[in-house]
Amino acid sequence: MVKYFLLEVYQYHLNTQSTFGCKGRMAVCFGDLMYALYAGKKRYV
């Protein structure tokens, strides 16, 4: 998961047309969270 999100591979697999899902927003939010956790700039996020 760390590699998939920190290398931004997930962006190629986003389903922005999904009727039932979040249109890729959950993956983007999780990717942002993952980046914030591994950036090492804060104690907590």
ModelCIF file with pLDDT and N, C-alpha, C, O atoms, coordinates in Angstrom:
data_MODEL
#
_entry.id   MODEL 
#
_entity.id                         1 
_entity.type                       polymer 
_entity.pdbx_number_of_molecules   1 
#
_entity_poly.entity_id                      1 
_entity_poly.type                           'polypeptide(L)' 
_entity_poly.nstd_linkage                   no 
_entity_poly.nstd_monomer                   no 
_entity_poly.pdbx_seq_one_letter_code       MVKYFLLEVYQYHLNTQSTFGCKGRMAVCFGDLMYALYAGKKRYV 
_entity_poly.pdbx_seq_one_letter_code_can   MVKYFLLEVYQYHLNTQSTFGCKGRMAVCFGDLMYALYAGKKRYV 
_entity_poly.pdbx_strand_id                 A 
#
loop_
_entity_poly_seq.entity_id 
_entity_poly_seq.num 
_entity_poly_seq.mon_id 
_entity_poly_seq.hetero 
1 1  MET n 
1 2  VAL n 
1 3  LYS n 
1 4  TYR n 
1 5  PHE n 
1 6  LEU n 
1 7  LEU n 
1 8  GLU n 
1 9  VAL n 
1 10 TYR n 
1 11 GLN n 
1 12 TYR n 
1 13 HIS n 
1 14 LEU n 
1 15 ASN n 
1 16 THR n 
1 17 GLN n 
1 18 SER n 
1 19 THR n 
1 20 PHE n 
1 21 GLY n 
1 22 CYS n 
1 23 LYS n 
1 24 GLY n 
1 25 ARG n 
1 26 MET n 
1 27 ALA n 
1 28 VAL n 
1 29 CYS n 
1 30 PHE n 
1 31 GLY n 
1 32 ASP n 
1 33 LEU n 
1 34 MET n 
1 35 TYR n 
1 36 ALA n 
1 37 LEU n 
1 38 TYR n 
1 39 ALA n 
1 40 GLY n 
1 41 LYS n 
1 42 LYS n 
1 43 ARG n 
1 44 TYR n 
1 45 VAL n 
#
_struct_asym.id          A 
_struct_asym.entity_id   1 
#
loop_
_ma_qa_metric.id 
_ma_qa_metric.mode 
_ma_qa_metric.name 
_ma_qa_metric.software_group_id 
_ma_qa_metric.type 
1 global pLDDT . pLDDT 
2 local  pLDDT . pLDDT 
#
_ma_qa_metric_global.metric_id      1 
_ma_qa_metric_global.metric_value   88.93 
_ma_qa_metric_global.model_id       1 
_ma_qa_metric_global.ordinal_id     1 
#
loop_
_ma_qa_metric_local.label_asym_id 
_ma_qa_metric_local.label_comp_id 
_ma_qa_metric_local.label_seq_id 
_ma_qa_metric_local.metric_id 
_ma_qa_metric_local.metric_value 
_ma_qa_metric_local.model_id 
_ma_qa_metric_local.ordinal_id 
A MET 1  2 91.00 1 1  
A VAL 2  2 88.00 1 2  
A LYS 3  2 88.00 1 3  
A TYR 4  2 91.00 1 4  
A PHE 5  2 91.00 1 5  
A LEU 6  2 89.00 1 6  
A LEU 7  2 88.00 1 7  
A GLU 8  2 89.00 1 8  
A VAL 9  2 91.00 1 9  
A TYR 10 2 93.00 1 10 
A GLN 11 2 93.00 1 11 
A TYR 12 2 94.00 1 12 
A HIS 13 2 93.00 1 13 
A LEU 14 2 93.00 1 14 
A ASN 15 2 90.00 1 15 
A THR 16 2 89.00 1 16 
A GLN 17 2 89.00 1 17 
A SER 18 2 82.00 1 18 
A THR 19 2 82.00 1 19 
A PHE 20 2 81.00 1 20 
A GLY 21 2 81.00 1 21 
A CYS 22 2 86.00 1 22 
A LYS 23 2 89.00 1 23 
A GLY 24 2 91.00 1 24 
A ARG 25 2 92.00 1 25 
A MET 26 2 92.00 1 26 
A ALA 27 2 93.00 1 27 
A VAL 28 2 95.00 1 28 
A CYS 29 2 94.00 1 29 
A PHE 30 2 95.00 1 30 
A GLY 31 2 94.00 1 31 
A ASP 32 2 94.00 1 32 
A LEU 33 2 93.00 1 33 
A MET 34 2 90.00 1 34 
A TYR 35 2 90.00 1 35 
A ALA 36 2 89.00 1 36 
A LEU 37 2 88.00 1 37 
A TYR 38 2 86.00 1 38 
A ALA 39 2 83.00 1 39 
A GLY 40 2 77.00 1 40 
A LYS 41 2 80.00 1 41 
A LYS 42 2 83.00 1 42 
A ARG 43 2 84.00 1 43 
A TYR 44 2 88.00 1 44 
A VAL 45 2 90.00 1 45 
#
loop_
_atom_site.group_PDB 
_atom_site.id 
_atom_site.type_symbol 
_atom_site.label_atom_id 
_atom_site.label_alt_id 
_atom_site.label_comp_id 
_atom_site.label_asym_id 
_atom_site.label_entity_id 
_atom_site.label_seq_id 
_atom_site.pdbx_PDB_ins_code 
_atom_site.Cartn_x 
_atom_site.Cartn_y 
_atom_site.Cartn_z 
_atom_site.occupancy 
_atom_site.B_iso_or_equiv 
_atom_site.pdbx_formal_charge 
_atom_site.auth_seq_id 
_atom_site.auth_comp_id 
_atom_site.auth_asym_id 
_atom_site.auth_atom_id 
_atom_site.pdbx_PDB_model_num 
ATOM 1   N N  . MET A 1 1  ? 0.840   -1.213 0.000   1.00 91.00 ? 1  MET A N  1 
ATOM 2   C CA . MET A 1 1  ? 0.000   0.000  0.000   1.00 91.00 ? 1  MET A CA 1 
ATOM 3   C C  . MET A 1 1  ? 0.869   1.255  0.000   1.00 91.00 ? 1  MET A C  1 
ATOM 4   O O  . MET A 1 1  ? 0.568   2.228  -0.691  1.00 91.00 ? 1  MET A O  1 
ATOM 5   N N  . VAL A 1 2  ? 1.938   1.224  0.773   1.00 88.00 ? 2  VAL A N  1 
ATOM 6   C CA . VAL A 1 2  ? 2.838   2.375  0.835   1.00 88.00 ? 2  VAL A CA 1 
ATOM 7   C C  . VAL A 1 2  ? 3.411   2.662  -0.551  1.00 88.00 ? 2  VAL A C  1 
ATOM 8   O O  . VAL A 1 2  ? 3.405   3.808  -1.001  1.00 88.00 ? 2  VAL A O  1 
ATOM 9   N N  . LYS A 1 3  ? 3.894   1.648  -1.211  1.00 88.00 ? 3  LYS A N  1 
ATOM 10  C CA . LYS A 1 3  ? 4.466   1.834  -2.552  1.00 88.00 ? 3  LYS A CA 1 
ATOM 11  C C  . LYS A 1 3  ? 3.412   2.308  -3.545  1.00 88.00 ? 3  LYS A C  1 
ATOM 12  O O  . LYS A 1 3  ? 3.666   3.214  -4.339  1.00 88.00 ? 3  LYS A O  1 
ATOM 13  N N  . TYR A 1 4  ? 2.232   1.698  -3.501  1.00 91.00 ? 4  TYR A N  1 
ATOM 14  C CA . TYR A 1 4  ? 1.149   2.012  -4.432  1.00 91.00 ? 4  TYR A CA 1 
ATOM 15  C C  . TYR A 1 4  ? 0.737   3.478  -4.327  1.00 91.00 ? 4  TYR A C  1 
ATOM 16  O O  . TYR A 1 4  ? 0.495   4.134  -5.340  1.00 91.00 ? 4  TYR A O  1 
ATOM 17  N N  . PHE A 1 5  ? 0.660   3.986  -3.105  1.00 91.00 ? 5  PHE A N  1 
ATOM 18  C CA . PHE A 1 5  ? 0.209   5.367  -2.923  1.00 91.00 ? 5  PHE A CA 1 
ATOM 19  C C  . PHE A 1 5  ? 1.341   6.383  -2.974  1.00 91.00 ? 5  PHE A C  1 
ATOM 20  O O  . PHE A 1 5  ? 1.166   7.458  -3.548  1.00 91.00 ? 5  PHE A O  1 
ATOM 21  N N  . LEU A 1 6  ? 2.483   6.079  -2.398  1.00 89.00 ? 6  LEU A N  1 
ATOM 22  C CA . LEU A 1 6  ? 3.573   7.066  -2.413  1.00 89.00 ? 6  LEU A CA 1 
ATOM 23  C C  . LEU A 1 6  ? 4.191   7.230  -3.802  1.00 89.00 ? 6  LEU A C  1 
ATOM 24  O O  . LEU A 1 6  ? 4.707   8.298  -4.132  1.00 89.00 ? 6  LEU A O  1 
ATOM 25  N N  . LEU A 1 7  ? 4.139   6.182  -4.606  1.00 88.00 ? 7  LEU A N  1 
ATOM 26  C CA . LEU A 1 7  ? 4.620   6.291  -5.987  1.00 88.00 ? 7  LEU A CA 1 
ATOM 27  C C  . LEU A 1 7  ? 3.524   6.783  -6.932  1.00 88.00 ? 7  LEU A C  1 
ATOM 28  O O  . LEU A 1 7  ? 3.740   6.907  -8.138  1.00 88.00 ? 7  LEU A O  1 
ATOM 29  N N  . GLU A 1 8  ? 2.343   7.062  -6.370  1.00 89.00 ? 8  GLU A N  1 
ATOM 30  C CA . GLU A 1 8  ? 1.184   7.616  -7.072  1.00 89.00 ? 8  GLU A CA 1 
ATOM 31  C C  . GLU A 1 8  ? 0.671   6.740  -8.214  1.00 89.00 ? 8  GLU A C  1 
ATOM 32  O O  . GLU A 1 8  ? 0.113   7.248  -9.186  1.00 89.00 ? 8  GLU A O  1 
ATOM 33  N N  . VAL A 1 9  ? 0.861   5.427  -8.095  1.00 91.00 ? 9  VAL A N  1 
ATOM 34  C CA . VAL A 1 9  ? 0.337   4.482  -9.074  1.00 91.00 ? 9  VAL A CA 1 
ATOM 35  C C  . VAL A 1 9  ? -1.189  4.494  -9.039  1.00 91.00 ? 9  VAL A C  1 
ATOM 36  O O  . VAL A 1 9  ? -1.839  4.289  -10.064 1.00 91.00 ? 9  VAL A O  1 
ATOM 37  N N  . TYR A 1 10 ? -1.756  4.732  -7.865  1.00 93.00 ? 10 TYR A N  1 
ATOM 38  C CA . TYR A 1 10 ? -3.208  4.704  -7.699  1.00 93.00 ? 10 TYR A CA 1 
ATOM 39  C C  . TYR A 1 10 ? -3.923  5.695  -8.627  1.00 93.00 ? 10 TYR A C  1 
ATOM 40  O O  . TYR A 1 10 ? -5.076  5.472  -8.998  1.00 93.00 ? 10 TYR A O  1 
ATOM 41  N N  . GLN A 1 11 ? -3.254  6.771  -8.997  1.00 93.00 ? 11 GLN A N  1 
ATOM 42  C CA . GLN A 1 11 ? -3.877  7.787  -9.844  1.00 93.00 ? 11 GLN A CA 1 
ATOM 43  C C  . GLN A 1 11 ? -4.244  7.241  -11.225 1.00 93.00 ? 11 GLN A C  1 
ATOM 44  O O  . GLN A 1 11 ? -5.143  7.764  -11.883 1.00 93.00 ? 11 GLN A O  1 
ATOM 45  N N  . TYR A 1 12 ? -3.555  6.203  -11.658 1.00 94.00 ? 12 TYR A N  1 
ATOM 46  C CA . TYR A 1 12 ? -3.874  5.591  -12.949 1.00 94.00 ? 12 TYR A CA 1 
ATOM 47  C C  . TYR A 1 12 ? -5.077  4.659  -12.851 1.00 94.00 ? 12 TYR A C  1 
ATOM 48  O O  . TYR A 1 12 ? -5.611  4.236  -13.876 1.00 94.00 ? 12 TYR A O  1 
ATOM 49  N N  . HIS A 1 13 ? -5.506  4.335  -11.648 1.00 93.00 ? 13 HIS A N  1 
ATOM 50  C CA . HIS A 1 13 ? -6.596  3.388  -11.446 1.00 93.00 ? 13 HIS A CA 1 
ATOM 51  C C  . HIS A 1 13 ? -7.860  4.029  -10.872 1.00 93.00 ? 13 HIS A C  1 
ATOM 52  O O  . HIS A 1 13 ? -8.791  3.319  -10.491 1.00 93.00 ? 13 HIS A O  1 
ATOM 53  N N  . LEU A 1 14 ? -7.905  5.340  -10.807 1.00 93.00 ? 14 LEU A N  1 
ATOM 54  C CA . LEU A 1 14 ? -9.067  6.016  -10.238 1.00 93.00 ? 14 LEU A CA 1 
ATOM 55  C C  . LEU A 1 14 ? -10.286 5.842  -11.143 1.00 93.00 ? 14 LEU A C  1 
ATOM 56  O O  . LEU A 1 14 ? -10.183 5.956  -12.364 1.00 93.00 ? 14 LEU A O  1 
ATOM 57  N N  . ASN A 1 15 ? -11.428 5.566  -10.539 1.00 90.00 ? 15 ASN A N  1 
ATOM 58  C CA . ASN A 1 15 ? -12.679 5.462  -11.272 1.00 90.00 ? 15 ASN A CA 1 
ATOM 59  C C  . ASN A 1 15 ? -13.497 6.716  -10.964 1.00 90.00 ? 15 ASN A C  1 
ATOM 60  O O  . ASN A 1 15 ? -14.257 6.746  -9.996  1.00 90.00 ? 15 ASN A O  1 
ATOM 61  N N  . THR A 1 16 ? -13.340 7.728  -11.777 1.00 89.00 ? 16 THR A N  1 
ATOM 62  C CA . THR A 1 16 ? -14.028 8.996  -11.533 1.00 89.00 ? 16 THR A CA 1 
ATOM 63  C C  . THR A 1 16 ? -15.454 8.990  -12.059 1.00 89.00 ? 16 THR A C  1 
ATOM 64  O O  . THR A 1 16 ? -16.198 9.949  -11.851 1.00 89.00 ? 16 THR A O  1 
ATOM 65  N N  . GLN A 1 17 ? -15.838 7.921  -12.737 1.00 89.00 ? 17 GLN A N  1 
ATOM 66  C CA . GLN A 1 17 ? -17.185 7.827  -13.308 1.00 89.00 ? 17 GLN A CA 1 
ATOM 67  C C  . GLN A 1 17 ? -18.128 6.963  -12.482 1.00 89.00 ? 17 GLN A C  1 
ATOM 68  O O  . GLN A 1 17 ? -19.287 6.794  -12.862 1.00 89.00 ? 17 GLN A O  1 
ATOM 69  N N  . SER A 1 18 ? -17.674 6.423  -11.384 1.00 82.00 ? 18 SER A N  1 
ATOM 70  C CA . SER A 1 18 ? -18.459 5.494  -10.578 1.00 82.00 ? 18 SER A CA 1 
ATOM 71  C C  . SER A 1 18 ? -19.761 6.124  -10.083 1.00 82.00 ? 18 SER A C  1 
ATOM 72  O O  . SER A 1 18 ? -19.761 7.226  -9.534  1.00 82.00 ? 18 SER A O  1 
ATOM 73  N N  . THR A 1 19 ? -20.844 5.425  -10.282 1.00 82.00 ? 19 THR A N  1 
ATOM 74  C CA . THR A 1 19 ? -22.145 5.890  -9.820  1.00 82.00 ? 19 THR A CA 1 
ATOM 75  C C  . THR A 1 19 ? -22.328 5.625  -8.326  1.00 82.00 ? 19 THR A C  1 
ATOM 76  O O  . THR A 1 19 ? -22.952 6.419  -7.622  1.00 82.00 ? 19 THR A O  1 
ATOM 77  N N  . PHE A 1 20 ? -21.784 4.515  -7.851  1.00 81.00 ? 20 PHE A N  1 
ATOM 78  C CA . PHE A 1 20 ? -21.996 4.096  -6.477  1.00 81.00 ? 20 PHE A CA 1 
ATOM 79  C C  . PHE A 1 20 ? -20.875 4.514  -5.525  1.00 81.00 ? 20 PHE A C  1 
ATOM 80  O O  . PHE A 1 20 ? -21.094 4.583  -4.316  1.00 81.00 ? 20 PHE A O  1 
ATOM 81  N N  . GLY A 1 21 ? -19.722 4.783  -6.028  1.00 81.00 ? 21 GLY A N  1 
ATOM 82  C CA . GLY A 1 21 ? -18.570 5.085  -5.180  1.00 81.00 ? 21 GLY A CA 1 
ATOM 83  C C  . GLY A 1 21 ? -18.401 6.565  -4.912  1.00 81.00 ? 21 GLY A C  1 
ATOM 84  O O  . GLY A 1 21 ? -19.353 7.341  -4.989  1.00 81.00 ? 21 GLY A O  1 
ATOM 85  N N  . CYS A 1 22 ? -17.185 6.940  -4.599  1.00 86.00 ? 22 CYS A N  1 
ATOM 86  C CA . CYS A 1 22 ? -16.851 8.334  -4.262  1.00 86.00 ? 22 CYS A CA 1 
ATOM 87  C C  . CYS A 1 22 ? -16.181 9.062  -5.414  1.00 86.00 ? 22 CYS A C  1 
ATOM 88  O O  . CYS A 1 22 ? -15.654 10.160 -5.235  1.00 86.00 ? 22 CYS A O  1 
ATOM 89  N N  . LYS A 1 23 ? -16.199 8.454  -6.599  1.00 89.00 ? 23 LYS A N  1 
ATOM 90  C CA . LYS A 1 23 ? -15.593 9.047  -7.801  1.00 89.00 ? 23 LYS A CA 1 
ATOM 91  C C  . LYS A 1 23 ? -14.091 9.300  -7.627  1.00 89.00 ? 23 LYS A C  1 
ATOM 92  O O  . LYS A 1 23 ? -13.546 10.276 -8.145  1.00 89.00 ? 23 LYS A O  1 
ATOM 93  N N  . GLY A 1 24 ? -13.440 8.403  -6.890  1.00 91.00 ? 24 GLY A N  1 
ATOM 94  C CA . GLY A 1 24 ? -11.995 8.486  -6.701  1.00 91.00 ? 24 GLY A CA 1 
ATOM 95  C C  . GLY A 1 24 ? -11.552 9.367  -5.554  1.00 91.00 ? 24 GLY A C  1 
ATOM 96  O O  . GLY A 1 24 ? -10.362 9.419  -5.243  1.00 91.00 ? 24 GLY A O  1 
ATOM 97  N N  . ARG A 1 25 ? -12.485 10.065 -4.915  1.00 92.00 ? 25 ARG A N  1 
ATOM 98  C CA . ARG A 1 25 ? -12.104 10.990 -3.836  1.00 92.00 ? 25 ARG A CA 1 
ATOM 99  C C  . ARG A 1 25 ? -11.492 10.279 -2.641  1.00 92.00 ? 25 ARG A C  1 
ATOM 100 O O  . ARG A 1 25 ? -10.580 10.812 -2.010  1.00 92.00 ? 25 ARG A O  1 
ATOM 101 N N  . MET A 1 26 ? -11.980 9.076  -2.315  1.00 92.00 ? 26 MET A N  1 
ATOM 102 C CA . MET A 1 26 ? -11.439 8.342  -1.166  1.00 92.00 ? 26 MET A CA 1 
ATOM 103 C C  . MET A 1 26 ? -9.982  7.969  -1.406  1.00 92.00 ? 26 MET A C  1 
ATOM 104 O O  . MET A 1 26 ? -9.148  8.095  -0.509  1.00 92.00 ? 26 MET A O  1 
ATOM 105 N N  . ALA A 1 27 ? -9.677  7.509  -2.615  1.00 93.00 ? 27 ALA A N  1 
ATOM 106 C CA . ALA A 1 27 ? -8.293  7.144  -2.934  1.00 93.00 ? 27 ALA A CA 1 
ATOM 107 C C  . ALA A 1 27 ? -7.389  8.370  -2.887  1.00 93.00 ? 27 ALA A C  1 
ATOM 108 O O  . ALA A 1 27 ? -6.262  8.297  -2.400  1.00 93.00 ? 27 ALA A O  1 
ATOM 109 N N  . VAL A 1 28 ? -7.880  9.486  -3.389  1.00 95.00 ? 28 VAL A N  1 
ATOM 110 C CA . VAL A 1 28 ? -7.078  10.717 -3.371  1.00 95.00 ? 28 VAL A CA 1 
ATOM 111 C C  . VAL A 1 28 ? -6.847  11.175 -1.934  1.00 95.00 ? 28 VAL A C  1 
ATOM 112 O O  . VAL A 1 28 ? -5.733  11.562 -1.582  1.00 95.00 ? 28 VAL A O  1 
ATOM 113 N N  . CYS A 1 29 ? -7.887  11.136 -1.098  1.00 94.00 ? 29 CYS A N  1 
ATOM 114 C CA . CYS A 1 29 ? -7.742  11.518 0.316   1.00 94.00 ? 29 CYS A CA 1 
ATOM 115 C C  . CYS A 1 29 ? -6.768  10.586 1.033   1.00 94.00 ? 29 CYS A C  1 
ATOM 116 O O  . CYS A 1 29 ? -5.938  11.030 1.827   1.00 94.00 ? 29 CYS A O  1 
ATOM 117 N N  . PHE A 1 30 ? -6.880  9.283  0.743   1.00 95.00 ? 30 PHE A N  1 
ATOM 118 C CA . PHE A 1 30 ? -5.975  8.326  1.372   1.00 95.00 ? 30 PHE A CA 1 
ATOM 119 C C  . PHE A 1 30 ? -4.541  8.563  0.895   1.00 95.00 ? 30 PHE A C  1 
ATOM 120 O O  . PHE A 1 30 ? -3.607  8.478  1.693   1.00 95.00 ? 30 PHE A O  1 
ATOM 121 N N  . GLY A 1 31 ? -4.356  8.857  -0.380  1.00 94.00 ? 31 GLY A N  1 
ATOM 122 C CA . GLY A 1 31 ? -3.022  9.162  -0.905  1.00 94.00 ? 31 GLY A CA 1 
ATOM 123 C C  . GLY A 1 31 ? -2.434  10.397 -0.245  1.00 94.00 ? 31 GLY A C  1 
ATOM 124 O O  . GLY A 1 31 ? -1.247  10.428 0.083   1.00 94.00 ? 31 GLY A O  1 
ATOM 125 N N  . ASP A 1 32 ? -3.261  11.412 -0.050  1.00 94.00 ? 32 ASP A N  1 
ATOM 126 C CA . ASP A 1 32 ? -2.801  12.623 0.633   1.00 94.00 ? 32 ASP A CA 1 
ATOM 127 C C  . ASP A 1 32 ? -2.414  12.323 2.082   1.00 94.00 ? 32 ASP A C  1 
ATOM 128 O O  . ASP A 1 32 ? -1.411  12.826 2.589   1.00 94.00 ? 32 ASP A O  1 
ATOM 129 N N  . LEU A 1 33 ? -3.231  11.494 2.737   1.00 93.00 ? 33 LEU A N  1 
ATOM 130 C CA . LEU A 1 33 ? -2.923  11.106 4.108   1.00 93.00 ? 33 LEU A CA 1 
ATOM 131 C C  . LEU A 1 33 ? -1.618  10.316 4.175   1.00 93.00 ? 33 LEU A C  1 
ATOM 132 O O  . LEU A 1 33 ? -0.777  10.560 5.041   1.00 93.00 ? 33 LEU A O  1 
ATOM 133 N N  . MET A 1 34 ? -1.462  9.381  3.265   1.00 90.00 ? 34 MET A N  1 
ATOM 134 C CA . MET A 1 34 ? -0.244  8.560  3.227   1.00 90.00 ? 34 MET A CA 1 
ATOM 135 C C  . MET A 1 34 ? 0.983   9.455  3.033   1.00 90.00 ? 34 MET A C  1 
ATOM 136 O O  . MET A 1 34 ? 2.000   9.279  3.703   1.00 90.00 ? 34 MET A O  1 
ATOM 137 N N  . TYR A 1 35 ? 0.879   10.404 2.122   1.00 90.00 ? 35 TYR A N  1 
ATOM 138 C CA . TYR A 1 35 ? 2.003   11.319 1.883   1.00 90.00 ? 35 TYR A CA 1 
ATOM 139 C C  . TYR A 1 35 ? 2.314   12.125 3.153   1.00 90.00 ? 35 TYR A C  1 
ATOM 140 O O  . TYR A 1 35 ? 3.478   12.286 3.520   1.00 90.00 ? 35 TYR A O  1 
ATOM 141 N N  . ALA A 1 36 ? 1.268   12.628 3.817   1.00 89.00 ? 36 ALA A N  1 
ATOM 142 C CA . ALA A 1 36 ? 1.478   13.419 5.037   1.00 89.00 ? 36 ALA A CA 1 
ATOM 143 C C  . ALA A 1 36 ? 2.140   12.585 6.132   1.00 89.00 ? 36 ALA A C  1 
ATOM 144 O O  . ALA A 1 36 ? 2.991   13.082 6.870   1.00 89.00 ? 36 ALA A O  1 
ATOM 145 N N  . LEU A 1 37 ? 1.746   11.318 6.232   1.00 88.00 ? 37 LEU A N  1 
ATOM 146 C CA . LEU A 1 37 ? 2.341   10.450 7.248   1.00 88.00 ? 37 LEU A CA 1 
ATOM 147 C C  . LEU A 1 37 ? 3.806   10.160 6.972   1.00 88.00 ? 37 LEU A C  1 
ATOM 148 O O  . LEU A 1 37 ? 4.610   10.069 7.899   1.00 88.00 ? 37 LEU A O  1 
ATOM 149 N N  . TYR A 1 38 ? 4.153   10.016 5.702   1.00 86.00 ? 38 TYR A N  1 
ATOM 150 C CA . TYR A 1 38 ? 5.529   9.654  5.355   1.00 86.00 ? 38 TYR A CA 1 
ATOM 151 C C  . TYR A 1 38 ? 6.409   10.853 5.035   1.00 86.00 ? 38 TYR A C  1 
ATOM 152 O O  . TYR A 1 38 ? 7.608   10.684 4.813   1.00 86.00 ? 38 TYR A O  1 
ATOM 153 N N  . ALA A 1 39 ? 5.855   12.048 5.005   1.00 83.00 ? 39 ALA A N  1 
ATOM 154 C CA . ALA A 1 39 ? 6.672   13.236 4.759   1.00 83.00 ? 39 ALA A CA 1 
ATOM 155 C C  . ALA A 1 39 ? 7.572   13.528 5.949   1.00 83.00 ? 39 ALA A C  1 
ATOM 156 O O  . ALA A 1 39 ? 8.641   14.120 5.798   1.00 83.00 ? 39 ALA A O  1 
ATOM 157 N N  . GLY A 1 40 ? 7.139   13.114 7.130   1.00 77.00 ? 40 GLY A N  1 
ATOM 158 C CA . GLY A 1 40 ? 7.963   13.286 8.320   1.00 77.00 ? 40 GLY A CA 1 
ATOM 159 C C  . GLY A 1 40 ? 8.056   14.711 8.809   1.00 77.00 ? 40 GLY A C  1 
ATOM 160 O O  . GLY A 1 40 ? 9.028   15.073 9.471   1.00 77.00 ? 40 GLY A O  1 
ATOM 161 N N  . LYS A 1 41 ? 7.049   15.543 8.493   1.00 80.00 ? 41 LYS A N  1 
ATOM 162 C CA . LYS A 1 41 ? 7.106   16.947 8.885   1.00 80.00 ? 41 LYS A CA 1 
ATOM 163 C C  . LYS A 1 41 ? 6.287   17.265 10.132  1.00 80.00 ? 41 LYS A C  1 
ATOM 164 O O  . LYS A 1 41 ? 6.450   18.328 10.732  1.00 80.00 ? 41 LYS A O  1 
ATOM 165 N N  . LYS A 1 42 ? 5.404   16.342 10.522  1.00 83.00 ? 42 LYS A N  1 
ATOM 166 C CA . LYS A 1 42 ? 4.531   16.580 11.668  1.00 83.00 ? 42 LYS A CA 1 
ATOM 167 C C  . LYS A 1 42 ? 4.535   15.371 12.592  1.00 83.00 ? 42 LYS A C  1 
ATOM 168 O O  . LYS A 1 42 ? 4.868   14.260 12.181  1.00 83.00 ? 42 LYS A O  1 
ATOM 169 N N  . ARG A 1 43 ? 4.162   15.602 13.840  1.00 84.00 ? 43 ARG A N  1 
ATOM 170 C CA . ARG A 1 43 ? 4.042   14.491 14.793  1.00 84.00 ? 43 ARG A CA 1 
ATOM 171 C C  . ARG A 1 43 ? 2.765   13.698 14.550  1.00 84.00 ? 43 ARG A C  1 
ATOM 172 O O  . ARG A 1 43 ? 2.732   12.482 14.742  1.00 84.00 ? 43 ARG A O  1 
ATOM 173 N N  . TYR A 1 44 ? 1.707   14.400 14.124  1.00 88.00 ? 44 TYR A N  1 
ATOM 174 C CA . TYR A 1 44 ? 0.434   13.733 13.887  1.00 88.00 ? 44 TYR A CA 1 
ATOM 175 C C  . TYR A 1 44 ? -0.312  14.437 12.754  1.00 88.00 ? 44 TYR A C  1 
ATOM 176 O O  . TYR A 1 44 ? -0.045  15.596 12.435  1.00 88.00 ? 44 TYR A O  1 
ATOM 177 N N  . VAL A 1 45 ? -1.246  13.709 12.163  1.00 90.00 ? 45 VAL A N  1 
ATOM 178 C CA . VAL A 1 45 ? -2.066  14.216 11.067  1.00 90.00 ? 45 VAL A CA 1 
ATOM 179 C C  . VAL A 1 45 ? -3.519  13.928 11.421  1.00 90.00 ? 45 VAL A C  1 
ATOM 180 O O  . VAL A 1 45 ? -4.420  14.260 10.651  1.00 90.00 ? 45 VAL A O  1 
#
